[in-house]
Amino acid sequence: MITLHDLPAWAAVLTALLILAGSSLALIGSLGLLRFKSFYERVHAPTLGATLGMACILLASILYFSIGQTRPVVHEILIGLFVTVTTPVTLLLLVQTTLYRDRQEGRDPLGEGSGQDC
């Protein structure tokens, strides 16, 4: 295994940029929780940020450990696959549950004056 000091400069820079990009995307998605007003808007931003941020961070991990161990490290692909599949499913379940609850309580889930039909 290659130590941190033996890692090529191009790999260290690329890994750092991917981690920075991934954490920035996750932060931007999380800021959507503060910015948006309704639940339906709030649930969308962190989902996108988590998925894109996760992809960048996993690419950085694949790069770092593949070079550091001088063999391909692919178990991160399984992590990415599970997160990519479960995040949209969770989003859909949360939205459907909230939509059902809003309709049961007599609230308009689309908001008044939205111009859209249910």
PDB file of N, CA and C in Angstrom:
ATOM      1  N   MET A   1       0.842  -1.179   0.000  1.00  0.00           N
ATOM      2  CA  MET A   1       0.000   0.000   0.000  1.00  0.00           C
ATOM      3  C   MET A   1       0.886   1.241   0.000  1.00  0.00           C
ATOM      4  N   ILE A   2       0.493   2.208  -0.793  1.00  0.00           N
ATOM      5  CA  ILE A   2       1.224   3.466  -0.900  1.00  0.00           C
ATOM      6  C   ILE A   2       0.772   4.385   0.230  1.00  0.00           C
ATOM      7  N   THR A   3       1.727   5.033   0.885  1.00  0.00           N
ATOM      8  CA  THR A   3       1.365   5.975   1.939  1.00  0.00           C
ATOM      9  C   THR A   3       0.887   7.283   1.319  1.00  0.00           C
ATOM     10  N   LEU A   4       0.333   8.118   2.148  1.00  0.00           N
ATOM     11  CA  LEU A   4      -0.200   9.395   1.678  1.00  0.00           C
ATOM     12  C   LEU A   4       0.869  10.248   1.016  1.00  0.00           C
ATOM     13  N   HIS A   5       2.086  10.196   1.521  1.00  0.00           N
ATOM     14  CA  HIS A   5       3.170  11.020   0.979  1.00  0.00           C
ATOM     15  C   HIS A   5       3.654  10.500  -0.366  1.00  0.00           C
ATOM     16  N   ASP A   6       3.395   9.224  -0.664  1.00  0.00           N
ATOM     17  CA  ASP A   6       3.820   8.650  -1.941  1.00  0.00           C
ATOM     18  C   ASP A   6       2.764   8.772  -3.031  1.00  0.00           C
ATOM     19  N   LEU A   7       1.620   9.321  -2.721  1.00  0.00           N
ATOM     20  CA  LEU A   7       0.543   9.480  -3.695  1.00  0.00           C
ATOM     21  C   LEU A   7       0.955  10.526  -4.734  1.00  0.00           C
ATOM     22  N   PRO A   8       0.773  10.248  -6.024  1.00  0.00           N
ATOM     23  CA  PRO A   8       1.132  11.237  -7.049  1.00  0.00           C
ATOM     24  C   PRO A   8       0.354  12.538  -6.861  1.00  0.00           C
ATOM     25  N   ALA A   9       0.983  13.637  -7.219  1.00  0.00           N
ATOM     26  CA  ALA A   9       0.379  14.953  -7.017  1.00  0.00           C
ATOM     27  C   ALA A   9      -0.928  15.106  -7.791  1.00  0.00           C
ATOM     28  N   TRP A  10      -0.982  14.593  -9.020  1.00  0.00           N
ATOM     29  CA  TRP A  10      -2.203  14.718  -9.816  1.00  0.00           C
ATOM     30  C   TRP A  10      -3.365  13.982  -9.149  1.00  0.00           C
ATOM     31  N   ALA A  11      -3.080  12.837  -8.534  1.00  0.00           N
ATOM     32  CA  ALA A  11      -4.135  12.066  -7.872  1.00  0.00           C
ATOM     33  C   ALA A  11      -4.596  12.765  -6.600  1.00  0.00           C
ATOM     34  N   ALA A  12      -3.667  13.353  -5.870  1.00  0.00           N
ATOM     35  CA  ALA A  12      -4.034  14.063  -4.647  1.00  0.00           C
ATOM     36  C   ALA A  12      -4.886  15.288  -4.959  1.00  0.00           C
ATOM     37  N   VAL A  13      -4.529  16.023  -6.003  1.00  0.00           N
ATOM     38  CA  VAL A  13      -5.292  17.217  -6.382  1.00  0.00           C
ATOM     39  C   VAL A  13      -6.681  16.822  -6.878  1.00  0.00           C
ATOM     40  N   LEU A  14      -6.747  15.802  -7.734  1.00  0.00           N
ATOM     41  CA  LEU A  14      -8.040  15.364  -8.264  1.00  0.00           C
ATOM     42  C   LEU A  14      -8.946  14.820  -7.153  1.00  0.00           C
ATOM     43  N   THR A  15      -8.367  14.074  -6.228  1.00  0.00           N
ATOM     44  CA  THR A  15      -9.136  13.555  -5.094  1.00  0.00           C
ATOM     45  C   THR A  15      -9.665  14.704  -4.234  1.00  0.00           C
ATOM     46  N   ALA A  16      -8.828  15.679  -3.962  1.00  0.00           N
ATOM     47  CA  ALA A  16      -9.260  16.824  -3.153  1.00  0.00           C
ATOM     48  C   ALA A  16     -10.361  17.616  -3.857  1.00  0.00           C
ATOM     49  N   LEU A  17     -10.239  17.803  -5.168  1.00  0.00           N
ATOM     50  CA  LEU A  17     -11.267  18.538  -5.918  1.00  0.00           C
ATOM     51  C   LEU A  17     -12.599  17.785  -5.930  1.00  0.00           C
ATOM     52  N   LEU A  18     -12.541  16.466  -6.088  1.00  0.00           N
ATOM     53  CA  LEU A  18     -13.773  15.675  -6.077  1.00  0.00           C
ATOM     54  C   LEU A  18     -14.451  15.704  -4.706  1.00  0.00           C
ATOM     55  N   ILE A  19     -13.665  15.632  -3.648  1.00  0.00           N
ATOM     56  CA  ILE A  19     -14.241  15.701  -2.297  1.00  0.00           C
ATOM     57  C   ILE A  19     -14.827  17.084  -2.040  1.00  0.00           C
ATOM     58  N   LEU A  20     -14.126  18.121  -2.465  1.00  0.00           N
ATOM     59  CA  LEU A  20     -14.639  19.484  -2.307  1.00  0.00           C
ATOM     60  C   LEU A  20     -15.930  19.689  -3.098  1.00  0.00           C
ATOM     61  N   ALA A  21     -15.967  19.189  -4.333  1.00  0.00           N
ATOM     62  CA  ALA A  21     -17.173  19.319  -5.154  1.00  0.00           C
ATOM     63  C   ALA A  21     -18.335  18.537  -4.539  1.00  0.00           C
ATOM     64  N   GLY A  22     -18.056  17.326  -4.069  1.00  0.00           N
ATOM     65  CA  GLY A  22     -19.110  16.515  -3.466  1.00  0.00           C
ATOM     66  C   GLY A  22     -19.674  17.118  -2.198  1.00  0.00           C
ATOM     67  N   SER A  23     -18.818  17.628  -1.358  1.00  0.00           N
ATOM     68  CA  SER A  23     -19.304  18.240  -0.119  1.00  0.00           C
ATOM     69  C   SER A  23     -20.023  19.560  -0.404  1.00  0.00           C
ATOM     70  N   SER A  24     -19.575  20.287  -1.417  1.00  0.00           N
ATOM     71  CA  SER A  24     -20.266  21.533  -1.788  1.00  0.00           C
ATOM     72  C   SER A  24     -21.662  21.247  -2.330  1.00  0.00           C
ATOM     73  N   LEU A  25     -21.795  20.211  -3.160  1.00  0.00           N
ATOM     74  CA  LEU A  25     -23.108  19.845  -3.689  1.00  0.00           C
ATOM     75  C   LEU A  25     -24.054  19.408  -2.575  1.00  0.00           C
ATOM     76  N   ALA A  26     -23.529  18.643  -1.633  1.00  0.00           N
ATOM     77  CA  ALA A  26     -24.370  18.221  -0.511  1.00  0.00           C
ATOM     78  C   ALA A  26     -24.781  19.421   0.346  1.00  0.00           C
ATOM     79  N   LEU A  27     -23.879  20.372   0.537  1.00  0.00           N
ATOM     80  CA  LEU A  27     -24.206  21.576   1.300  1.00  0.00           C
ATOM     81  C   LEU A  27     -25.253  22.424   0.591  1.00  0.00           C
ATOM     82  N   ILE A  28     -25.115  22.584  -0.712  1.00  0.00           N
ATOM     83  CA  ILE A  28     -26.087  23.366  -1.475  1.00  0.00           C
ATOM     84  C   ILE A  28     -27.458  22.708  -1.403  1.00  0.00           C
ATOM     85  N   GLY A  29     -27.496  21.388  -1.508  1.00  0.00           N
ATOM     86  CA  GLY A  29     -28.767  20.687  -1.378  1.00  0.00           C
ATOM     87  C   GLY A  29     -29.373  20.864  -0.003  1.00  0.00           C
ATOM     88  N   SER A  30     -28.551  20.874   1.015  1.00  0.00           N
ATOM     89  CA  SER A  30     -29.044  21.059   2.376  1.00  0.00           C
ATOM     90  C   SER A  30     -29.548  22.477   2.612  1.00  0.00           C
ATOM     91  N   LEU A  31     -28.954  23.446   1.938  1.00  0.00           N
ATOM     92  CA  LEU A  31     -29.427  24.828   2.074  1.00  0.00           C
ATOM     93  C   LEU A  31     -30.833  24.999   1.502  1.00  0.00           C
ATOM     94  N   GLY A  32     -31.223  24.092   0.608  1.00  0.00           N
ATOM     95  CA  GLY A  32     -32.573  24.115   0.086  1.00  0.00           C
ATOM     96  C   GLY A  32     -33.620  23.904   1.175  1.00  0.00           C
ATOM     97  N   LEU A  33     -33.236  23.220   2.239  1.00  0.00           N
ATOM     98  CA  LEU A  33     -34.153  23.039   3.368  1.00  0.00           C
ATOM     99  C   LEU A  33     -34.496  24.370   4.019  1.00  0.00           C
ATOM    100  N   LEU A  34     -33.560  25.286   4.032  1.00  0.00           N
ATOM    101  CA  LEU A  34     -33.801  26.594   4.627  1.00  0.00           C
ATOM    102  C   LEU A  34     -34.505  27.548   3.669  1.00  0.00           C
ATOM    103  N   ARG A  35     -34.187  27.446   2.401  1.00  0.00           N
ATOM    104  CA  ARG A  35     -34.676  28.406   1.416  1.00  0.00           C
ATOM    105  C   ARG A  35     -36.121  28.157   1.014  1.00  0.00           C
ATOM    106  N   PHE A  36     -36.478  26.910   0.747  1.00  0.00           N
ATOM    107  CA  PHE A  36     -37.810  26.621   0.228  1.00  0.00           C
ATOM    108  C   PHE A  36     -38.841  26.609   1.340  1.00  0.00           C
ATOM    109  N   LYS A  37     -40.091  26.906   0.979  1.00  0.00           N
ATOM    110  CA  LYS A  37     -41.144  27.081   1.977  1.00  0.00           C
ATOM    111  C   LYS A  37     -41.963  25.818   2.230  1.00  0.00           C
ATOM    112  N   SER A  38     -42.419  25.130   1.199  1.00  0.00           N
ATOM    113  CA  SER A  38     -43.304  23.987   1.406  1.00  0.00           C
ATOM    114  C   SER A  38     -42.506  22.685   1.506  1.00  0.00           C
ATOM    115  N   PHE A  39     -43.159  21.682   2.040  1.00  0.00           N
ATOM    116  CA  PHE A  39     -42.519  20.375   2.179  1.00  0.00           C
ATOM    117  C   PHE A  39     -42.139  19.807   0.823  1.00  0.00           C
ATOM    118  N   TYR A  40     -42.997  19.989  -0.155  1.00  0.00           N
ATOM    119  CA  TYR A  40     -42.768  19.409  -1.475  1.00  0.00           C
ATOM    120  C   TYR A  40     -41.542  20.020  -2.154  1.00  0.00           C
ATOM    121  N   GLU A  41     -41.280  21.270  -1.900  1.00  0.00           N
ATOM    122  CA  GLU A  41     -40.068  21.898  -2.428  1.00  0.00           C
ATOM    123  C   GLU A  41     -38.850  21.483  -1.605  1.00  0.00           C
ATOM    124  N   ARG A  42     -39.010  21.415  -0.307  1.00  0.00           N
ATOM    125  CA  ARG A  42     -37.885  21.104   0.586  1.00  0.00           C
ATOM    126  C   ARG A  42     -37.342  19.695   0.400  1.00  0.00           C
ATOM    127  N   VAL A  43     -38.199  18.761   0.080  1.00  0.00           N
ATOM    128  CA  VAL A  43     -37.756  17.373  -0.005  1.00  0.00           C
ATOM    129  C   VAL A  43     -36.929  17.113  -1.262  1.00  0.00           C
ATOM    130  N   HIS A  44     -37.071  17.950  -2.267  1.00  0.00           N
ATOM    131  CA  HIS A  44     -36.398  17.716  -3.541  1.00  0.00           C
ATOM    132  C   HIS A  44     -34.917  18.117  -3.516  1.00  0.00           C
ATOM    133  N   ALA A  45     -34.594  19.249  -2.947  1.00  0.00           N
ATOM    134  CA  ALA A  45     -33.221  19.767  -2.992  1.00  0.00           C
ATOM    135  C   ALA A  45     -32.206  18.862  -2.286  1.00  0.00           C
ATOM    136  N   PRO A  46     -32.467  18.379  -1.065  1.00  0.00           N
ATOM    137  CA  PRO A  46     -31.480  17.511  -0.438  1.00  0.00           C
ATOM    138  C   PRO A  46     -31.306  16.177  -1.157  1.00  0.00           C
ATOM    139  N   THR A  47     -32.355  15.713  -1.827  1.00  0.00           N
ATOM    140  CA  THR A  47     -32.250  14.461  -2.564  1.00  0.00           C
ATOM    141  C   THR A  47     -31.249  14.590  -3.698  1.00  0.00           C
ATOM    142  N   LEU A  48     -31.338  15.674  -4.454  1.00  0.00           N
ATOM    143  CA  LEU A  48     -30.395  15.887  -5.542  1.00  0.00           C
ATOM    144  C   LEU A  48     -28.982  16.125  -5.024  1.00  0.00           C
ATOM    145  N   GLY A  49     -28.879  16.941  -3.977  1.00  0.00           N
ATOM    146  CA  GLY A  49     -27.563  17.221  -3.407  1.00  0.00           C
ATOM    147  C   GLY A  49     -26.894  15.981  -2.849  1.00  0.00           C
ATOM    148  N   ALA A  50     -27.671  15.140  -2.210  1.00  0.00           N
ATOM    149  CA  ALA A  50     -27.105  13.913  -1.634  1.00  0.00           C
ATOM    150  C   ALA A  50     -26.633  12.964  -2.728  1.00  0.00           C
ATOM    151  N   THR A  51     -27.404  12.837  -3.781  1.00  0.00           N
ATOM    152  CA  THR A  51     -27.030  11.913  -4.848  1.00  0.00           C
ATOM    153  C   THR A  51     -25.801  12.402  -5.607  1.00  0.00           C
ATOM    154  N   LEU A  52     -25.788  13.653  -6.001  1.00  0.00           N
ATOM    155  CA  LEU A  52     -24.639  14.176  -6.748  1.00  0.00           C
ATOM    156  C   LEU A  52     -23.395  14.292  -5.860  1.00  0.00           C
ATOM    157  N   GLY A  53     -23.582  14.719  -4.621  1.00  0.00           N
ATOM    158  CA  GLY A  53     -22.456  14.813  -3.700  1.00  0.00           C
ATOM    159  C   GLY A  53     -21.858  13.446  -3.403  1.00  0.00           C
ATOM    160  N   MET A  54     -22.735  12.456  -3.224  1.00  0.00           N
ATOM    161  CA  MET A  54     -22.272  11.093  -2.982  1.00  0.00           C
ATOM    162  C   MET A  54     -21.467  10.570  -4.159  1.00  0.00           C
ATOM    163  N   ALA A  55     -21.905  10.868  -5.371  1.00  0.00           N
ATOM    164  CA  ALA A  55     -21.191  10.391  -6.555  1.00  0.00           C
ATOM    165  C   ALA A  55     -19.777  10.968  -6.618  1.00  0.00           C
ATOM    166  N   CYS A  56     -19.629  12.250  -6.347  1.00  0.00           N
ATOM    167  CA  CYS A  56     -18.290  12.863  -6.374  1.00  0.00           C
ATOM    168  C   CYS A  56     -17.387  12.303  -5.274  1.00  0.00           C
ATOM    169  N   ILE A  57     -17.924  12.138  -4.085  1.00  0.00           N
ATOM    170  CA  ILE A  57     -17.119  11.628  -2.976  1.00  0.00           C
ATOM    171  C   ILE A  57     -16.721  10.171  -3.217  1.00  0.00           C
ATOM    172  N   LEU A  58     -17.630   9.371  -3.776  1.00  0.00           N
ATOM    173  CA  LEU A  58     -17.279   7.987  -4.082  1.00  0.00           C
ATOM    174  C   LEU A  58     -16.246   7.899  -5.205  1.00  0.00           C
ATOM    175  N   LEU A  59     -16.323   8.785  -6.188  1.00  0.00           N
ATOM    176  CA  LEU A  59     -15.285   8.811  -7.225  1.00  0.00           C
ATOM    177  C   LEU A  59     -13.920   9.153  -6.631  1.00  0.00           C
ATOM    178  N   ALA A  60     -13.907  10.081  -5.690  1.00  0.00           N
ATOM    179  CA  ALA A  60     -12.651  10.423  -5.017  1.00  0.00           C
ATOM    180  C   ALA A  60     -12.114   9.223  -4.238  1.00  0.00           C
ATOM    181  N   SER A  61     -13.010   8.503  -3.583  1.00  0.00           N
ATOM    182  CA  SER A  61     -12.592   7.326  -2.819  1.00  0.00           C
ATOM    183  C   SER A  61     -12.062   6.225  -3.740  1.00  0.00           C
ATOM    184  N   ILE A  62     -12.738   6.010  -4.852  1.00  0.00           N
ATOM    185  CA  ILE A  62     -12.270   5.008  -5.815  1.00  0.00           C
ATOM    186  C   ILE A  62     -10.890   5.381  -6.337  1.00  0.00           C
ATOM    187  N   LEU A  63     -10.701   6.632  -6.687  1.00  0.00           N
ATOM    188  CA  LEU A  63      -9.408   7.094  -7.203  1.00  0.00           C
ATOM    189  C   LEU A  63      -8.306   6.932  -6.162  1.00  0.00           C
ATOM    190  N   TYR A  64      -8.564   7.414  -4.953  1.00  0.00           N
ATOM    191  CA  TYR A  64      -7.530   7.381  -3.906  1.00  0.00           C
ATOM    192  C   TYR A  64      -7.123   5.959  -3.559  1.00  0.00           C
ATOM    193  N   PHE A  65      -8.097   5.101  -3.316  1.00  0.00           N
ATOM    194  CA  PHE A  65      -7.754   3.750  -2.870  1.00  0.00           C
ATOM    195  C   PHE A  65      -7.301   2.854  -4.012  1.00  0.00           C
ATOM    196  N   SER A  66      -7.721   3.130  -5.244  1.00  0.00           N
ATOM    197  CA  SER A  66      -7.211   2.347  -6.371  1.00  0.00           C
ATOM    198  C   SER A  66      -5.737   2.636  -6.605  1.00  0.00           C
ATOM    199  N   ILE A  67      -5.351   3.896  -6.484  1.00  0.00           N
ATOM    200  CA  ILE A  67      -3.931   4.243  -6.649  1.00  0.00           C
ATOM    201  C   ILE A  67      -3.132   3.823  -5.419  1.00  0.00           C
ATOM    202  N   GLY A  68      -3.714   4.017  -4.239  1.00  0.00           N
ATOM    203  CA  GLY A  68      -2.999   3.700  -3.005  1.00  0.00           C
ATOM    204  C   GLY A  68      -2.764   2.215  -2.796  1.00  0.00           C
ATOM    205  N   GLN A  69      -3.673   1.387  -3.268  1.00  0.00           N
ATOM    206  CA  GLN A  69      -3.517  -0.057  -3.083  1.00  0.00           C
ATOM    207  C   GLN A  69      -3.061  -0.749  -4.364  1.00  0.00           C
ATOM    208  N   THR A  70      -2.811   0.015  -5.404  1.00  0.00           N
ATOM    209  CA  THR A  70      -2.357  -0.473  -6.704  1.00  0.00           C
ATOM    210  C   THR A  70      -3.244  -1.594  -7.254  1.00  0.00           C
ATOM    211  N   ARG A  71      -4.512  -1.545  -6.950  1.00  0.00           N
ATOM    212  CA  ARG A  71      -5.507  -2.456  -7.517  1.00  0.00           C
ATOM    213  C   ARG A  71      -6.844  -1.725  -7.520  1.00  0.00           C
ATOM    214  N   PRO A  72      -7.727  -2.085  -8.433  1.00  0.00           N
ATOM    215  CA  PRO A  72      -9.025  -1.405  -8.457  1.00  0.00           C
ATOM    216  C   PRO A  72      -9.845  -1.692  -7.190  1.00  0.00           C
ATOM    217  N   VAL A  73     -10.421  -0.673  -6.652  1.00  0.00           N
ATOM    218  CA  VAL A  73     -11.311  -0.805  -5.494  1.00  0.00           C
ATOM    219  C   VAL A  73     -12.706  -0.470  -5.994  1.00  0.00           C
ATOM    220  N   VAL A  74     -13.566  -1.477  -6.008  1.00  0.00           N
ATOM    221  CA  VAL A  74     -14.879  -1.282  -6.619  1.00  0.00           C
ATOM    222  C   VAL A  74     -16.039  -1.434  -5.637  1.00  0.00           C
ATOM    223  N   HIS A  75     -15.766  -1.668  -4.361  1.00  0.00           N
ATOM    224  CA  HIS A  75     -16.897  -1.805  -3.437  1.00  0.00           C
ATOM    225  C   HIS A  75     -17.641  -0.483  -3.257  1.00  0.00           C
ATOM    226  N   GLU A  76     -17.001   0.625  -3.615  1.00  0.00           N
ATOM    227  CA  GLU A  76     -17.696   1.913  -3.594  1.00  0.00           C
ATOM    228  C   GLU A  76     -18.820   1.966  -4.623  1.00  0.00           C
ATOM    229  N   ILE A  77     -18.678   1.193  -5.697  1.00  0.00           N
ATOM    230  CA  ILE A  77     -19.736   1.142  -6.710  1.00  0.00           C
ATOM    231  C   ILE A  77     -21.014   0.571  -6.104  1.00  0.00           C
ATOM    232  N   LEU A  78     -20.884  -0.427  -5.245  1.00  0.00           N
ATOM    233  CA  LEU A  78     -22.062  -0.973  -4.560  1.00  0.00           C
ATOM    234  C   LEU A  78     -22.695   0.066  -3.640  1.00  0.00           C
ATOM    235  N   ILE A  79     -21.887   0.823  -2.941  1.00  0.00           N
ATOM    236  CA  ILE A  79     -22.412   1.878  -2.071  1.00  0.00           C
ATOM    237  C   ILE A  79     -23.175   2.900  -2.916  1.00  0.00           C
ATOM    238  N   GLY A  80     -22.585   3.319  -4.020  1.00  0.00           N
ATOM    239  CA  GLY A  80     -23.243   4.268  -4.911  1.00  0.00           C
ATOM    240  C   GLY A  80     -24.531   3.718  -5.491  1.00  0.00           C
ATOM    241  N   LEU A  81     -24.534   2.443  -5.834  1.00  0.00           N
ATOM    242  CA  LEU A  81     -25.736   1.822  -6.380  1.00  0.00           C
ATOM    243  C   LEU A  81     -26.864   1.813  -5.350  1.00  0.00           C
ATOM    244  N   PHE A  82     -26.551   1.427  -4.125  1.00  0.00           N
ATOM    245  CA  PHE A  82     -27.581   1.384  -3.078  1.00  0.00           C
ATOM    246  C   PHE A  82     -28.114   2.779  -2.751  1.00  0.00           C
ATOM    247  N   VAL A  83     -27.250   3.766  -2.656  1.00  0.00           N
ATOM    248  CA  VAL A  83     -27.702   5.126  -2.350  1.00  0.00           C
ATOM    249  C   VAL A  83     -28.508   5.700  -3.515  1.00  0.00           C
ATOM    250  N   THR A  84     -28.068   5.429  -4.738  1.00  0.00           N
ATOM    251  CA  THR A  84     -28.773   5.937  -5.908  1.00  0.00           C
ATOM    252  C   THR A  84     -30.162   5.313  -6.042  1.00  0.00           C
ATOM    253  N   VAL A  85     -30.310   4.070  -5.652  1.00  0.00           N
ATOM    254  CA  VAL A  85     -31.613   3.407  -5.740  1.00  0.00           C
ATOM    255  C   VAL A  85     -32.513   3.810  -4.576  1.00  0.00           C
ATOM    256  N   THR A  86     -31.973   3.889  -3.368  1.00  0.00           N
ATOM    257  CA  THR A  86     -32.829   4.121  -2.202  1.00  0.00           C
ATOM    258  C   THR A  86     -33.231   5.575  -2.010  1.00  0.00           C
ATOM    259  N   THR A  87     -32.428   6.525  -2.439  1.00  0.00           N
ATOM    260  CA  THR A  87     -32.775   7.931  -2.242  1.00  0.00           C
ATOM    261  C   THR A  87     -34.039   8.340  -3.002  1.00  0.00           C
ATOM    262  N   PRO A  88     -34.178   8.034  -4.295  1.00  0.00           N
ATOM    263  CA  PRO A  88     -35.431   8.394  -4.975  1.00  0.00           C
ATOM    264  C   PRO A  88     -36.645   7.630  -4.440  1.00  0.00           C
ATOM    265  N   VAL A  89     -36.451   6.390  -4.034  1.00  0.00           N
ATOM    266  CA  VAL A  89     -37.562   5.616  -3.474  1.00  0.00           C
ATOM    267  C   VAL A  89     -38.045   6.264  -2.182  1.00  0.00           C
ATOM    268  N   THR A  90     -37.121   6.682  -1.340  1.00  0.00           N
ATOM    269  CA  THR A  90     -37.487   7.369  -0.102  1.00  0.00           C
ATOM    270  C   THR A  90     -38.205   8.677  -0.399  1.00  0.00           C
ATOM    271  N   LEU A  91     -37.712   9.423  -1.381  1.00  0.00           N
ATOM    272  CA  LEU A  91     -38.361  10.672  -1.787  1.00  0.00           C
ATOM    273  C   LEU A  91     -39.805  10.409  -2.208  1.00  0.00           C
ATOM    274  N   LEU A  92     -40.020   9.416  -3.043  1.00  0.00           N
ATOM    275  CA  LEU A  92     -41.370   9.119  -3.519  1.00  0.00           C
ATOM    276  C   LEU A  92     -42.292   8.689  -2.382  1.00  0.00           C
ATOM    277  N   LEU A  93     -41.795   7.870  -1.475  1.00  0.00           N
ATOM    278  CA  LEU A  93     -42.627   7.434  -0.357  1.00  0.00           C
ATOM    279  C   LEU A  93     -43.002   8.596   0.553  1.00  0.00           C
ATOM    280  N   LEU A  94     -42.058   9.472   0.837  1.00  0.00           N
ATOM    281  CA  LEU A  94     -42.353  10.639   1.674  1.00  0.00           C
ATOM    282  C   LEU A  94     -43.376  11.566   1.019  1.00  0.00           C
ATOM    283  N   VAL A  95     -43.220  11.815  -0.274  1.00  0.00           N
ATOM    284  CA  VAL A  95     -44.138  12.710  -0.969  1.00  0.00           C
ATOM    285  C   VAL A  95     -45.525  12.098  -1.074  1.00  0.00           C
ATOM    286  N   GLN A  96     -45.605  10.812  -1.380  1.00  0.00           N
ATOM    287  CA  GLN A  96     -46.917  10.167  -1.475  1.00  0.00           C
ATOM    288  C   GLN A  96     -47.632  10.155  -0.136  1.00  0.00           C
ATOM    289  N   THR A  97     -46.900   9.902   0.932  1.00  0.00           N
ATOM    290  CA  THR A  97     -47.507   9.903   2.260  1.00  0.00           C
ATOM    291  C   THR A  97     -48.014  11.289   2.632  1.00  0.00           C
ATOM    292  N   THR A  98     -47.223  12.303   2.369  1.00  0.00           N
ATOM    293  CA  THR A  98     -47.636  13.672   2.682  1.00  0.00           C
ATOM    294  C   THR A  98     -48.797  14.115   1.804  1.00  0.00           C
ATOM    295  N   LEU A  99     -48.780  13.739   0.546  1.00  0.00           N
ATOM    296  CA  LEU A  99     -49.880  14.056  -0.360  1.00  0.00           C
ATOM    297  C   LEU A  99     -51.179  13.409   0.119  1.00  0.00           C
ATOM    298  N   TYR A 100     -51.112  12.156   0.525  1.00  0.00           N
ATOM    299  CA  TYR A 100     -52.286  11.454   1.052  1.00  0.00           C
ATOM    300  C   TYR A 100     -52.805  12.143   2.317  1.00  0.00           C
ATOM    301  N   ARG A 101     -51.888  12.481   3.223  1.00  0.00           N
ATOM    302  CA  ARG A 101     -52.286  13.156   4.465  1.00  0.00           C
ATOM    303  C   ARG A 101     -52.926  14.510   4.195  1.00  0.00           C
ATOM    304  N   ASP A 102     -52.345  15.279   3.280  1.00  0.00           N
ATOM    305  CA  ASP A 102     -52.908  16.591   2.943  1.00  0.00           C
ATOM    306  C   ASP A 102     -54.309  16.456   2.367  1.00  0.00           C
ATOM    307  N   ARG A 103     -54.502  15.482   1.509  1.00  0.00           N
ATOM    308  CA  ARG A 103     -55.831  15.293   0.917  1.00  0.00           C
ATOM    309  C   ARG A 103     -56.839  14.807   1.950  1.00  0.00           C
ATOM    310  N   GLN A 104     -56.414  13.974   2.893  1.00  0.00           N
ATOM    311  CA  GLN A 104     -57.305  13.493   3.945  1.00  0.00           C
ATOM    312  C   GLN A 104     -57.724  14.620   4.885  1.00  0.00           C
ATOM    313  N   GLU A 105     -56.834  15.574   5.105  1.00  0.00           N
ATOM    314  CA  GLU A 105     -57.129  16.697   5.992  1.00  0.00           C
ATOM    315  C   GLU A 105     -57.817  17.845   5.260  1.00  0.00           C
ATOM    316  N   GLY A 106     -58.074  17.689   3.965  1.00  0.00           N
ATOM    317  CA  GLY A 106     -58.789  18.700   3.205  1.00  0.00           C
ATOM    318  C   GLY A 106     -57.935  19.860   2.741  1.00  0.00           C
ATOM    319  N   ARG A 107     -56.623  19.753   2.832  1.00  0.00           N
ATOM    320  CA  ARG A 107     -55.732  20.819   2.350  1.00  0.00           C
ATOM    321  C   ARG A 107     -55.414  20.607   0.883  1.00  0.00           C
ATOM    322  N   ASP A 108     -55.214  21.707   0.174  1.00  0.00           N
ATOM    323  CA  ASP A 108     -54.825  21.640  -1.225  1.00  0.00           C
ATOM    324  C   ASP A 108     -53.315  21.429  -1.288  1.00  0.00           C
ATOM    325  N   PRO A 109     -52.849  20.245  -1.711  1.00  0.00           N
ATOM    326  CA  PRO A 109     -51.410  19.982  -1.704  1.00  0.00           C
ATOM    327  C   PRO A 109     -50.627  20.818  -2.709  1.00  0.00           C
ATOM    328  N   LEU A 110     -51.297  21.356  -3.723  1.00  0.00           N
ATOM    329  CA  LEU A 110     -50.600  22.155  -4.736  1.00  0.00           C
ATOM    330  C   LEU A 110     -50.579  23.635  -4.398  1.00  0.00           C
ATOM    331  N   GLY A 111     -51.297  24.033  -3.392  1.00  0.00           N
ATOM    332  CA  GLY A 111     -51.348  25.445  -3.022  1.00  0.00           C
ATOM    333  C   GLY A 111     -52.446  26.161  -3.791  1.00  0.00           C
ATOM    334  N   GLU A 112     -52.985  27.182  -3.198  1.00  0.00           N
ATOM    335  CA  GLU A 112     -54.064  27.912  -3.837  1.00  0.00           C
ATOM    336  C   GLU A 112     -53.509  28.784  -4.945  1.00  0.00           C
ATOM    337  N   GLY A 113     -54.267  28.820  -6.060  1.00  0.00           N
ATOM    338  CA  GLY A 113     -53.878  29.680  -7.168  1.00  0.00           C
ATOM    339  C   GLY A 113     -52.703  29.170  -7.963  1.00  0.00           C
ATOM    340  N   SER A 114     -52.418  27.873  -7.876  1.00  0.00           N
ATOM    341  CA  SER A 114     -51.271  27.365  -8.617  1.00  0.00           C
ATOM    342  C   SER A 114     -51.580  27.145 -10.076  1.00  0.00           C
ATOM    343  N   GLY A 115     -52.894  27.032 -10.416  1.00  0.00           N
ATOM    344  CA  GLY A 115     -53.264  26.875 -11.808  1.00  0.00           C
ATOM    345  C   GLY A 115     -53.103  25.453 -12.317  1.00  0.00           C
ATOM    346  N   GLN A 116     -52.778  24.505 -11.434  1.00  0.00           N
ATOM    347  CA  GLN A 116     -52.599  23.120 -11.840  1.00  0.00           C
ATOM    348  C   GLN A 116     -53.777  22.303 -11.333  1.00  0.00           C
ATOM    349  N   ASP A 117     -54.119  21.264 -12.089  1.00  0.00           N
ATOM    350  CA  ASP A 117     -55.196  20.368 -11.679  1.00  0.00           C
ATOM    351  C   ASP A 117     -54.636  19.193 -10.898  1.00  0.00           C
ATOM    352  N   CYS A 118     -55.383  18.712  -9.921  1.00  0.00           N
ATOM    353  CA  CYS A 118     -54.967  17.545  -9.148  1.00  0.00           C
ATOM    354  C   CYS A 118     -55.186  16.275  -9.926  1.00  0.00           C
TER     355      CYS A 118
END
